[in-house]
Amino acid sequence: MPELPEVETVRDGLARHLVGARVRDVEVRRDSSVRRHEGGAADFRGRLEGRTLTAAVRRGKFLWLVLDDAAQDDALMAHLGMSGQLLVRGRAASPVGHPHLRARIHLDEGPVASLDFVDQRTFGHLAVTDLVPTADGAPGGHGSGLAAVPTPVAHIARDLLDPHLDRAALVRGLRRRRTDVKRALLDQTLVSGIGNIYADEALWRARLHFARQTDRLRPSDVARLLDAAADVMRSALRVGGTSFDALYVDVNGSSGYFDRALAVYGQHGRPCPRCGTPVVRTPFMNRSSFTCPRCQRRPPRHAAPGSALGARVP
């Protein structure tokens, strides 16, 4: 599933190509693509046609287009799932479109003819949803100063690249969780935007094993990990995110290149870039975790409270 760098790459493209465009009409080619929209395909079309796209916004992995500055009370939300793509189609492009085209939003005058929602595996969806005020009164996400988020995003935490993130509160909140540190990183209600790829890369950079317990980490450990996660996502953003196949692309259909710089994720059996020890793969939450067994030593299963790994430093 796309993580923060991939979603931000898409958001940036939408902001450059679509902000200010007006929706002329909407084709829903497969009803399942709007299954989360209350009212179904007909209501989805009705709430979009004639509306202007005024901002492209992202919070963590979540993406939406604000509709009409005058109203500022609803938005077109896109969940990309495993294979969803938002592609802009120029006026000169073929009207046939992608074989997995699920919905097409036709636009009025301008260089972009339509915004196409393509989804091979059909886990993604589109919906027009109400906006609700943010709990802290700060802007809802990157790309807009509007202090609101779509209703389905109201419980989602801020991400590490959000200037309005309360970093000290995040450190305290993470250390209060009695779980392993990778589970905490993947909890979007604690900190958003991080998925399996960037969690593994951040843990490697911070020299922490994914099974380290959050309530046994020192504040300095957590700060180092959060810095590492933010740094790795910024690095990925500079090259358009991570693409392992053609299922993740930006709005122009181009792939990202951060997979060439991955230190441990997907590198089972290859040498750790730091020490040369072969990277290992371990099953984790129906997925995999990739670590260097030398740089990221696994903690004892039951670390004693007074041991080096078990001690909790306030």
Protein backbone atom coordinates (compact mmCIF):
# COMPACT_ATOMS: atom_id res chain seq x y z
CA MET A 1 0.00 0.00 0.00
CA PRO A 2 1.35 3.48 -0.80
CA GLU A 3 2.91 5.24 2.18
CA LEU A 4 3.45 8.94 2.83
CA PRO A 5 6.09 9.59 0.11
CA GLU A 6 4.03 7.89 -2.59
CA VAL A 7 0.78 9.63 -1.59
CA GLU A 8 2.54 13.00 -1.32
CA THR A 9 3.98 12.52 -4.81
CA VAL A 10 0.43 11.98 -6.11
CA ARG A 11 -0.92 14.92 -4.08
CA ASP A 12 1.72 17.24 -5.50
CA GLY A 13 0.79 16.21 -9.03
CA LEU A 14 -2.91 16.76 -8.38
CA ALA A 15 -2.18 20.20 -6.92
CA ARG A 16 -0.15 21.20 -9.99
CA HIS A 17 -2.60 19.87 -12.58
CA LEU A 18 -6.10 20.06 -11.10
CA VAL A 19 -6.52 22.89 -8.60
CA GLY A 20 -8.98 25.38 -10.08
CA ALA A 21 -10.50 22.85 -12.49
CA ARG A 22 -14.28 22.43 -12.64
CA VAL A 23 -15.96 19.02 -12.88
CA ARG A 24 -18.14 18.77 -15.99
CA ASP A 25 -19.46 15.24 -15.52
CA VAL A 26 -18.53 11.93 -13.92
CA GLU A 27 -18.44 8.36 -15.23
CA VAL A 28 -18.53 5.55 -12.69
CA ARG A 29 -17.57 2.46 -14.67
CA ARG A 30 -17.60 0.10 -11.72
CA ASP A 31 -19.89 0.73 -8.74
CA SER A 32 -17.42 -0.92 -6.35
CA SER A 33 -15.05 2.02 -6.93
CA VAL A 34 -17.48 4.24 -4.97
CA ARG A 35 -18.71 1.59 -2.53
CA ARG A 36 -17.84 3.73 0.51
CA HIS A 37 -19.83 6.70 -0.79
CA GLU A 38 -23.18 6.96 0.94
CA GLY A 39 -25.86 7.12 -1.72
CA GLY A 40 -24.01 5.09 -4.35
CA ALA A 41 -22.84 6.03 -7.82
CA ALA A 42 -25.73 8.35 -8.72
CA ASP A 43 -25.26 10.46 -5.58
CA PHE A 44 -21.49 10.47 -6.13
CA ARG A 45 -21.98 11.97 -9.57
CA GLY A 46 -24.51 14.48 -8.27
CA ARG A 47 -22.20 15.76 -5.52
CA LEU A 48 -19.28 16.24 -7.94
CA GLU A 49 -20.75 17.61 -11.16
CA GLY A 50 -20.37 21.38 -11.41
CA ARG A 51 -17.97 21.56 -8.45
CA THR A 52 -14.52 23.18 -8.52
CA LEU A 53 -11.43 21.42 -7.17
CA THR A 54 -9.82 24.01 -4.89
CA ALA A 55 -7.01 22.16 -3.06
CA ALA A 56 -5.21 18.81 -2.99
CA VAL A 57 -4.53 17.77 0.60
CA ARG A 58 -2.73 14.91 2.33
CA ARG A 59 -2.57 13.70 5.91
CA GLY A 60 -0.33 10.69 6.35
CA LYS A 61 -1.43 8.20 3.69
CA PHE A 62 -4.83 9.87 3.20
CA LEU A 63 -5.58 12.11 0.23
CA TRP A 64 -8.47 14.40 -0.68
CA LEU A 65 -9.50 17.22 -3.02
CA VAL A 66 -11.41 20.09 -1.41
CA LEU A 67 -14.52 21.12 -3.33
CA ASP A 68 -15.48 24.81 -3.76
CA ASP A 69 -13.90 27.53 -1.61
CA ALA A 70 -17.32 29.03 -0.97
CA ALA A 71 -18.69 25.87 0.67
CA GLN A 72 -15.60 24.32 2.31
CA ASP A 73 -17.72 21.57 3.79
CA ASP A 74 -16.96 18.51 1.67
CA ALA A 75 -14.20 16.89 -0.31
CA LEU A 76 -13.47 14.14 -2.82
CA MET A 77 -11.49 11.54 -0.89
CA ALA A 78 -9.37 8.89 -2.60
CA HIS A 79 -8.13 5.70 -0.97
CA LEU A 80 -5.59 4.07 -3.27
CA GLY A 81 -5.59 0.65 -1.60
CA MET A 82 -3.03 -1.78 -3.00
CA SER A 83 -3.10 -0.72 -6.64
CA GLY A 84 -5.17 2.43 -7.03
CA GLN A 85 -3.87 5.17 -9.32
CA LEU A 86 -5.05 8.72 -9.95
CA LEU A 87 -3.96 9.68 -13.46
CA VAL A 88 -4.45 12.96 -15.30
CA ARG A 89 -5.44 12.62 -18.96
CA GLY A 90 -4.59 15.38 -21.42
CA ARG A 91 -6.92 16.65 -24.14
CA ALA A 92 -4.94 14.85 -26.83
CA ALA A 93 -4.88 11.49 -25.04
CA SER A 94 -6.96 8.54 -26.16
CA PRO A 95 -10.46 8.51 -24.64
CA VAL A 96 -10.29 4.72 -24.26
CA GLY A 97 -8.16 4.87 -21.14
CA HIS A 98 -6.57 2.18 -18.99
CA PRO A 99 -8.03 -1.36 -19.04
CA HIS A 100 -8.60 -1.08 -15.27
CA LEU A 101 -10.28 2.33 -15.43
CA ARG A 102 -12.96 2.39 -12.68
CA ALA A 103 -14.08 6.02 -12.69
CA ARG A 104 -13.42 9.07 -14.84
CA ILE A 105 -13.99 12.66 -13.73
CA HIS A 106 -14.34 14.87 -16.80
CA LEU A 107 -13.10 18.44 -16.41
CA ASP A 108 -14.07 21.68 -18.13
CA GLU A 109 -11.62 23.86 -20.07
CA GLY A 110 -7.91 23.47 -19.53
CA PRO A 111 -5.07 21.16 -20.52
CA VAL A 112 -6.39 18.25 -18.43
CA ALA A 113 -9.40 16.45 -19.88
CA SER A 114 -10.06 14.12 -16.96
CA LEU A 115 -8.90 12.63 -13.71
CA ASP A 116 -8.95 8.85 -14.06
CA PHE A 117 -9.19 6.41 -11.16
CA VAL A 118 -7.49 3.17 -12.16
CA ASP A 119 -7.45 0.16 -9.84
CA GLN A 120 -6.35 -3.32 -10.90
CA ARG A 121 -6.96 -5.11 -7.59
CA THR A 122 -10.11 -3.09 -6.72
CA PHE A 123 -9.21 -2.43 -3.06
CA GLY A 124 -9.21 1.35 -3.55
CA HIS A 125 -12.24 3.63 -3.66
CA LEU A 126 -13.48 7.20 -4.11
CA ALA A 127 -16.06 9.03 -2.00
CA VAL A 128 -17.39 12.53 -1.49
CA THR A 129 -17.39 13.03 2.25
CA ASP A 130 -18.15 15.82 4.69
CA LEU A 131 -15.33 17.80 6.26
CA VAL A 132 -15.13 18.15 10.05
CA PRO A 133 -12.99 20.56 12.10
CA THR A 134 -9.56 19.38 13.26
CA ALA A 135 -9.30 18.61 16.96
CA ASP A 136 -6.38 21.01 17.47
CA GLY A 137 -7.62 23.84 15.25
CA ALA A 138 -4.57 23.57 12.95
CA PRO A 139 -4.72 22.90 9.18
CA GLY A 140 -5.99 19.43 8.38
CA GLY A 141 -3.08 18.40 6.21
CA HIS A 142 -0.38 19.38 3.73
CA GLY A 143 -1.72 21.39 0.81
CA SER A 144 -4.37 23.55 2.47
CA GLY A 145 -4.69 25.93 5.39
CA LEU A 146 -8.25 24.76 6.01
CA ALA A 147 -8.60 23.44 9.58
CA ALA A 148 -10.74 20.48 8.55
CA VAL A 149 -10.41 16.84 7.48
CA PRO A 150 -12.79 14.35 5.85
CA THR A 151 -14.91 12.51 8.40
CA PRO A 152 -13.12 9.14 7.79
CA VAL A 153 -9.77 10.84 8.56
CA ALA A 154 -10.82 12.49 11.83
CA HIS A 155 -9.16 9.76 13.94
CA ILE A 156 -5.91 9.76 11.95
CA ALA A 157 -2.88 11.29 13.67
CA ARG A 158 -0.59 13.88 12.13
CA ASP A 159 2.49 12.64 10.28
CA LEU A 160 6.17 13.28 10.91
CA LEU A 161 6.43 15.87 8.13
CA ASP A 162 3.51 17.89 9.46
CA PRO A 163 4.74 21.17 11.01
CA HIS A 164 1.78 21.07 13.42
CA LEU A 165 2.73 17.69 14.90
CA ASP A 166 3.28 17.80 18.68
CA ARG A 167 6.55 15.88 18.69
CA ALA A 168 6.94 15.75 22.49
CA ALA A 169 3.41 14.37 22.88
CA LEU A 170 4.16 11.74 20.23
CA VAL A 171 7.30 10.59 22.09
CA ARG A 172 5.29 10.28 25.31
CA GLY A 173 2.43 8.53 23.57
CA LEU A 174 4.67 6.00 21.88
CA ARG A 175 6.46 5.12 25.13
CA ARG A 176 3.11 4.61 26.86
CA ARG A 177 2.11 1.92 24.38
CA ARG A 178 2.88 -1.57 25.65
CA THR A 179 3.71 -3.10 22.31
CA ASP A 180 6.64 -3.66 20.00
CA VAL A 181 7.98 -0.55 18.36
CA LYS A 182 7.13 -1.47 14.78
CA ARG A 183 3.46 -2.01 15.64
CA ALA A 184 3.47 1.45 17.20
CA LEU A 185 4.99 2.99 14.05
CA LEU A 186 2.29 1.37 11.93
CA ASP A 187 -0.54 2.63 14.16
CA GLN A 188 -2.03 5.48 12.14
CA THR A 189 -3.86 6.83 15.18
CA LEU A 190 -0.49 7.44 16.86
CA VAL A 191 1.53 8.75 13.93
CA SER A 192 0.39 8.54 10.32
CA GLY A 193 2.08 7.94 6.99
CA ILE A 194 4.45 5.11 7.93
CA GLY A 195 3.93 1.64 6.49
CA ASN A 196 5.95 -1.54 6.32
CA ILE A 197 8.67 -0.25 3.99
CA TYR A 198 9.57 2.95 5.79
CA ALA A 199 9.16 1.39 9.24
CA ASP A 200 11.85 -1.18 8.39
CA GLU A 201 14.12 1.45 6.88
CA ALA A 202 13.70 3.81 9.85
CA LEU A 203 14.35 1.05 12.39
CA TRP A 204 17.54 0.10 10.53
CA ARG A 205 18.75 3.70 10.48
CA ALA A 206 18.01 4.01 14.21
CA ARG A 207 19.67 0.61 14.96
CA LEU A 208 16.54 -0.68 16.68
CA HIS A 209 14.96 -4.12 16.29
CA PHE A 210 11.26 -4.15 15.44
CA ALA A 211 10.51 -6.26 18.55
CA ARG A 212 11.86 -3.70 21.01
CA GLN A 213 9.12 -2.80 23.49
CA THR A 214 7.93 0.79 23.38
CA ASP A 215 7.61 1.16 27.14
CA ARG A 216 11.26 0.13 27.53
CA LEU A 217 12.65 2.65 25.07
CA ARG A 218 14.39 5.79 26.30
CA PRO A 219 13.07 9.12 25.03
CA SER A 220 16.35 9.54 23.14
CA ASP A 221 15.75 6.19 21.38
CA VAL A 222 12.28 7.29 20.30
CA ALA A 223 13.54 10.68 19.14
CA ARG A 224 16.29 9.00 17.11
CA LEU A 225 13.75 6.66 15.53
CA LEU A 226 11.33 9.44 14.63
CA ASP A 227 14.17 11.46 13.12
CA ALA A 228 15.18 8.42 11.08
CA ALA A 229 11.62 7.85 9.86
CA ALA A 230 11.24 11.49 8.83
CA ASP A 231 14.62 11.46 7.06
CA VAL A 232 13.91 8.28 5.12
CA MET A 233 10.55 9.61 3.93
CA ARG A 234 12.13 12.90 2.83
CA SER A 235 14.75 10.92 0.91
CA ALA A 236 12.02 8.87 -0.77
CA LEU A 237 10.06 12.00 -1.65
CA ARG A 238 13.03 13.42 -3.53
CA VAL A 239 12.88 10.51 -5.99
CA GLY A 240 9.11 10.09 -6.17
CA GLY A 241 8.61 7.30 -3.65
CA THR A 242 9.12 3.56 -3.95
CA SER A 243 7.91 1.50 -6.92
CA PHE A 244 8.36 -2.25 -7.03
CA ASP A 245 6.10 -2.70 -10.07
CA ALA A 246 3.83 -0.68 -12.34
CA LEU A 247 1.05 -0.50 -9.75
CA TYR A 248 2.44 2.61 -8.05
CA VAL A 249 2.91 5.62 -10.31
CA ASP A 250 2.45 9.38 -10.03
CA VAL A 251 -0.35 11.28 -11.80
CA ASN A 252 1.60 11.19 -15.07
CA GLY A 253 2.22 7.44 -14.88
CA SER A 254 5.88 7.68 -13.81
CA SER A 255 7.43 5.36 -11.24
CA GLY A 256 9.43 6.33 -8.17
CA TYR A 257 13.01 5.19 -7.66
CA PHE A 258 13.59 4.90 -3.92
CA ASP A 259 13.60 1.09 -4.18
CA ARG A 260 17.18 1.46 -5.47
CA ALA A 261 18.23 3.03 -2.16
CA LEU A 262 16.53 0.61 0.26
CA ALA A 263 18.94 -0.62 2.92
CA VAL A 264 17.01 -3.61 4.32
CA TYR A 265 13.42 -3.78 3.07
CA GLY A 266 13.19 -6.56 0.48
CA GLN A 267 16.95 -7.19 0.76
CA HIS A 268 16.88 -10.67 2.34
CA GLY A 269 20.28 -12.35 2.01
CA ARG A 270 22.03 -9.23 0.72
CA PRO A 271 24.74 -7.51 2.78
CA CYS A 272 23.76 -4.77 5.21
CA PRO A 273 25.10 -1.50 3.74
CA ARG A 274 26.53 -0.58 7.14
CA CYS A 275 28.25 -3.76 8.38
CA GLY A 276 28.00 -6.34 5.60
CA THR A 277 25.98 -8.90 7.59
CA PRO A 278 23.29 -10.59 5.45
CA VAL A 279 19.84 -9.08 5.94
CA VAL A 280 17.22 -11.44 7.35
CA ARG A 281 13.48 -11.64 6.78
CA THR A 282 11.12 -12.39 9.68
CA PRO A 283 7.33 -12.93 9.45
CA PHE A 284 5.45 -10.00 10.97
CA MET A 285 1.68 -9.34 11.05
CA ASN A 286 1.04 -11.42 7.90
CA ARG A 287 3.83 -9.49 6.22
CA SER A 288 7.61 -9.45 6.64
CA SER A 289 10.16 -7.44 8.56
CA PHE A 290 13.70 -7.03 7.25
CA THR A 291 16.55 -6.39 9.65
CA CYS A 292 20.30 -6.60 10.03
CA PRO A 293 20.93 -9.13 12.83
CA ARG A 294 24.14 -7.36 13.81
CA CYS A 295 23.06 -3.70 13.67
CA GLN A 296 19.59 -4.42 15.08
CA ARG A 297 19.98 -7.02 17.78
CA ARG A 298 16.75 -8.72 18.78
CA PRO A 299 15.88 -8.14 22.46
CA PRO A 300 15.51 -11.11 24.82
CA ARG A 301 11.99 -12.48 24.85
CA HIS A 302 11.57 -11.50 28.51
CA ALA A 303 14.09 -8.76 29.28
CA ALA A 304 14.60 -8.26 33.00
CA PRO A 305 13.48 -4.83 34.24
CA GLY A 306 16.99 -3.93 35.35
CA SER A 307 18.85 -5.23 32.29
CA ALA A 308 20.38 -3.02 29.61
CA LEU A 309 17.60 -3.86 27.17
CA GLY A 310 14.85 -4.06 29.74
CA ALA A 311 15.54 -0.88 31.68
CA ARG A 312 13.11 1.93 31.16
CA VAL A 313 14.66 5.34 31.55
CA PRO A 314 12.15 8.11 32.26
